[in-house]
Protein backbone atom coordinates (compact mmCIF):
# COMPACT_ATOMS: atom_id res chain seq x y z
CA MET A 1 -2.24 -95.14 -12.44
CA LYS A 2 -3.86 -98.22 -10.87
CA PHE A 3 -3.96 -99.13 -7.19
CA SER A 4 -3.97 -102.82 -6.36
CA PHE A 5 -3.38 -105.29 -3.55
CA VAL A 6 -1.80 -108.69 -4.17
CA ASP A 7 -2.27 -111.68 -1.91
CA PRO A 8 0.99 -113.60 -2.61
CA VAL A 9 -0.17 -116.77 -0.85
CA ASN A 10 -3.44 -117.21 -2.74
CA LYS A 11 -2.08 -115.43 -5.84
CA LYS A 12 -5.05 -113.11 -5.83
CA THR A 13 -5.02 -109.52 -7.09
CA LEU A 14 -7.59 -106.90 -6.12
CA VAL A 15 -7.57 -103.75 -8.25
CA LEU A 16 -9.45 -100.75 -6.86
CA PRO A 17 -12.14 -99.62 -9.34
CA VAL A 18 -11.01 -95.99 -9.10
CA PRO A 19 -7.95 -94.40 -7.45
CA PRO A 20 -8.31 -93.11 -3.86
CA SER A 21 -9.13 -89.44 -3.47
CA SER A 22 -6.48 -88.81 -0.81
CA MET A 23 -3.63 -90.54 0.94
CA THR A 24 -1.95 -89.81 4.28
CA VAL A 25 1.54 -91.19 4.94
CA THR A 26 3.19 -91.22 8.38
CA MET A 27 6.99 -91.63 8.52
CA GLY A 28 8.20 -91.27 12.09
CA THR A 29 7.11 -87.78 13.15
CA LYS A 30 6.35 -86.64 9.59
CA VAL A 31 2.76 -86.76 8.32
CA LEU A 32 2.07 -86.11 4.63
CA THR A 33 -1.39 -85.84 3.07
CA PHE A 34 -1.65 -85.58 -0.70
CA GLU A 35 -3.59 -86.60 -3.78
CA PRO A 36 -2.53 -90.02 -5.09
CA THR A 37 -1.86 -88.53 -8.53
CA VAL A 38 1.47 -87.16 -7.19
CA LEU A 39 2.47 -90.49 -5.63
CA GLY A 40 5.10 -91.10 -8.28
CA GLU A 41 6.92 -87.94 -7.15
CA ILE A 42 7.29 -89.18 -3.57
CA GLU A 43 10.42 -91.25 -2.93
CA LEU A 44 10.69 -93.34 0.21
CA PRO A 45 14.14 -92.74 1.78
CA ARG A 46 16.40 -95.67 2.62
CA GLY A 47 17.14 -96.55 6.22
CA ARG A 48 13.80 -95.12 7.34
CA LYS A 49 11.38 -96.54 9.85
CA PRO A 50 8.36 -98.53 8.58
CA ILE A 51 5.58 -96.25 7.37
CA SER A 52 1.88 -96.36 8.11
CA PHE A 53 -0.64 -94.80 5.78
CA SER A 54 -4.33 -94.46 5.10
CA LEU A 55 -6.34 -94.23 1.89
CA GLU A 56 -9.66 -92.47 1.48
CA GLY A 57 -11.96 -92.80 -1.48
CA MET A 58 -15.06 -94.43 -2.89
CA PHE A 59 -15.96 -97.79 -4.37
CA PRO A 60 -18.58 -96.91 -7.05
CA GLY A 61 -21.76 -98.97 -7.12
CA GLU A 62 -22.75 -101.18 -10.04
CA ASN A 63 -25.28 -98.62 -11.24
CA GLN A 64 -22.76 -95.80 -11.19
CA SER A 65 -21.81 -94.81 -14.72
CA ILE A 66 -18.02 -94.45 -14.72
CA SER A 67 -16.29 -94.97 -18.04
CA ASP A 68 -12.71 -95.31 -16.82
CA ARG A 69 -13.04 -97.95 -14.11
CA ASP A 70 -9.88 -99.94 -13.41
CA SER A 71 -11.92 -103.01 -12.40
CA ASP A 72 -15.54 -104.18 -12.33
CA LEU A 73 -15.44 -105.44 -8.75
CA THR A 74 -18.52 -104.59 -6.70
CA PRO A 75 -18.14 -102.48 -3.54
CA ASP A 76 -19.52 -105.26 -1.33
CA TYR A 77 -17.05 -107.78 -2.75
CA ILE A 78 -14.11 -105.43 -2.17
CA VAL A 79 -15.12 -104.70 1.42
CA GLU A 80 -15.74 -108.39 2.17
CA THR A 81 -12.35 -109.37 0.75
CA MET A 82 -10.51 -106.67 2.67
CA ARG A 83 -12.25 -107.55 5.91
CA SER A 84 -11.15 -111.16 5.48
CA TRP A 85 -7.57 -109.89 5.19
CA THR A 86 -7.84 -107.89 8.41
CA GLU A 87 -9.22 -110.94 10.23
CA SER A 88 -6.21 -113.07 9.34
CA LYS A 89 -4.79 -115.13 12.21
CA ARG A 90 -1.37 -113.66 11.57
CA PRO A 91 -0.53 -110.82 14.02
CA GLY A 92 -1.15 -107.49 12.31
CA GLY A 93 -3.21 -108.99 9.51
CA LYS A 94 -2.50 -110.77 6.27
CA GLU A 95 0.68 -109.96 4.39
CA LEU A 96 -0.10 -108.20 1.11
CA ARG A 97 1.71 -106.19 -1.52
CA PHE A 98 0.52 -102.66 -2.20
CA ILE A 99 1.26 -101.77 -5.81
CA VAL A 100 0.73 -98.51 -7.68
CA THR A 101 1.46 -98.65 -11.39
CA SER A 102 3.70 -95.99 -12.98
CA THR A 103 5.46 -95.51 -9.60
CA ASP A 104 8.07 -97.28 -7.48
CA TRP A 105 5.44 -98.18 -4.89
CA ASN A 106 5.49 -101.96 -4.56
CA ILE A 107 5.79 -102.63 -0.85
CA PRO A 108 4.70 -105.37 1.57
CA VAL A 109 1.95 -104.22 3.93
CA PHE A 110 -0.61 -105.27 6.53
CA LEU A 111 -4.17 -104.04 6.08
CA ARG A 112 -5.00 -103.07 9.66
CA ASP A 113 -8.60 -101.98 9.14
CA ILE A 114 -11.18 -100.69 6.67
CA GLU A 115 -14.09 -98.42 7.55
CA PRO A 116 -16.86 -98.54 4.88
CA GLU A 117 -19.91 -96.27 4.68
CA TYR A 118 -22.79 -96.52 2.20
CA VAL A 119 -23.50 -93.20 0.49
CA GLY A 120 -25.77 -92.01 -2.32
CA GLY A 121 -28.37 -94.07 -4.11
CA TYR A 122 -26.15 -96.11 -6.41
CA GLY A 123 -24.68 -98.54 -3.89
CA ASP A 124 -21.50 -96.49 -3.54
CA ILE A 125 -19.29 -97.15 -0.53
CA LYS A 126 -17.11 -94.43 0.92
CA TYR A 127 -14.10 -95.90 2.71
CA THR A 128 -11.01 -95.25 4.78
CA MET A 129 -8.43 -98.02 5.00
CA PHE A 130 -5.38 -98.18 7.25
CA LEU A 131 -2.16 -99.94 6.30
CA THR A 132 1.26 -100.53 7.83
CA GLU A 133 4.41 -101.37 5.94
CA LEU A 134 5.79 -104.80 6.72
CA ARG A 135 9.48 -105.03 7.48
CA PRO A 136 11.06 -108.52 7.50
CA PHE A 137 13.07 -109.49 10.54
CA THR A 138 15.13 -112.49 11.59
CA VAL A 139 15.35 -114.19 14.95
CA LYS A 140 18.84 -115.29 15.90
CA GLU A 141 18.88 -118.79 17.33
CA VAL A 142 20.59 -119.02 20.69
CA LYS A 143 21.84 -122.44 21.68
CA ARG A 144 21.28 -123.28 25.30
CA SER A 145 22.88 -125.98 27.38
CA THR A 146 20.52 -128.84 28.19
CA SER A 147 22.22 -129.36 31.55
CA GLY A 148 20.82 -126.11 32.89
CA LYS A 149 24.31 -124.84 33.63
CA LYS A 150 25.80 -121.81 31.97
CA GLU A 151 28.47 -122.57 29.45
CA VAL A 152 31.79 -121.23 30.68
CA ARG A 153 34.30 -120.53 27.98
CA PRO A 154 37.95 -120.82 28.99
CA SER A 155 39.67 -117.47 29.00
CA LYS A 156 42.67 -116.97 26.78
CA PRO A 157 45.98 -116.91 28.67
CA LYS A 158 47.57 -113.50 29.03
CA PRO A 159 51.29 -112.90 28.44
CA LYS A 160 53.40 -113.42 31.57
CA ILE A 161 56.26 -111.20 32.74
CA HIS A 162 59.38 -113.04 33.92
CA VAL A 163 61.87 -111.06 36.02
CA VAL A 164 65.42 -112.21 35.36
CA VAL A 165 67.34 -113.48 38.40
CA LYS A 166 71.00 -114.37 38.81
CA GLY A 167 71.87 -117.54 36.89
CA ASP A 168 69.04 -117.15 34.35
CA SER A 169 69.61 -117.60 30.64
CA LEU A 170 67.27 -117.46 27.69
CA TRP A 171 67.71 -121.23 27.31
CA LYS A 172 66.65 -121.91 30.91
CA ILE A 173 63.69 -119.54 30.72
CA ALA A 174 62.49 -121.04 27.41
CA LYS A 175 62.77 -124.54 28.86
CA LYS A 176 60.82 -123.48 31.97
CA TYR A 177 57.84 -122.08 30.08
CA LYS A 178 58.01 -123.82 26.70
CA GLN A 179 59.66 -127.08 27.83
CA LYS A 180 62.05 -126.54 24.94
CA GLY A 181 65.31 -124.74 25.49
CA THR A 182 65.75 -124.42 21.74
CA ALA A 183 62.85 -121.94 21.71
CA TRP A 184 65.14 -119.31 23.26
CA ARG A 185 65.40 -117.55 19.88
CA ASP A 186 61.65 -116.82 19.89
CA LEU A 187 62.00 -115.40 23.39
CA TRP A 188 64.96 -113.29 22.30
CA ASN A 189 63.19 -111.93 19.21
CA ALA A 190 60.14 -111.00 21.29
CA ASN A 191 62.15 -109.08 23.90
CA LYS A 192 65.47 -107.91 22.41
CA LYS A 193 64.23 -104.35 21.88
CA ASN A 194 63.76 -103.93 25.64
CA LEU A 195 67.02 -105.54 26.81
CA LYS A 196 70.24 -103.70 27.64
CA SER A 197 72.56 -106.02 25.73
CA LYS A 198 72.31 -106.91 22.08
CA ASN A 199 73.97 -110.23 22.87
CA PRO A 200 71.43 -113.00 23.57
CA ASN A 201 73.92 -114.64 25.91
CA LEU A 202 73.90 -111.64 28.22
CA ILE A 203 70.80 -110.87 30.24
CA TYR A 204 70.89 -109.08 33.58
CA PRO A 205 69.03 -109.59 36.86
CA GLY A 206 66.02 -107.32 37.14
CA GLU A 207 65.31 -107.24 33.40
CA LYS A 208 61.76 -108.15 32.46
CA LEU A 209 60.95 -110.64 29.72
CA THR A 210 57.49 -111.05 28.21
CA ILE A 211 56.64 -114.74 27.91
CA PRO A 212 54.49 -115.36 24.79
CA ALA A 213 50.86 -116.20 25.61
CA GLY A 214 51.11 -119.29 23.42
CA TRP A 215 53.69 -120.76 25.80
CA LEU A 216 51.32 -120.67 28.74
CA LYS A 217 48.76 -123.38 29.51
């Protein structure tokens, strides 16, 4: 199991010489601290909030005899590289990918900070680093009027109620609102369920007809 950071812009990969000794993950109100060897058993749930986490461990010095190093990078080089990432001009730090082999952990992160401390007589550096998961977001473009005035959208016309009076006919009403007397059939079909007579030639004063919204200007 190797722990590495990838700088996608400069196509640079930094592999930690040895795995961290402990890892603390914060997901909302939950805080988990565990040994990285069980990282493959931890599944990040979907729909969760971005996580923040810290790694603690040691970068072994050049004189330290460790047979199973994952990389030959010196502690000073690692710290210098990571500090350059935290000093990125981008808010939050430089965008990286945090990858752990043999697990599903391959996530975009910001390296917020690293706290190194020289220990022992071999040039070892004890460290704690703090990371935050990066979540992509989009900004919706809002078009604004250059005139400084608010854009007023015309409201859609609402259906009108026509109360039948003496002398009305479907033809006359259709011609009044639609300017086409021949549209009386549309008016009849839209209202026949609510009329007393089933004969389109007979409508009575006081009956209410709904005028289609499309007929109104």
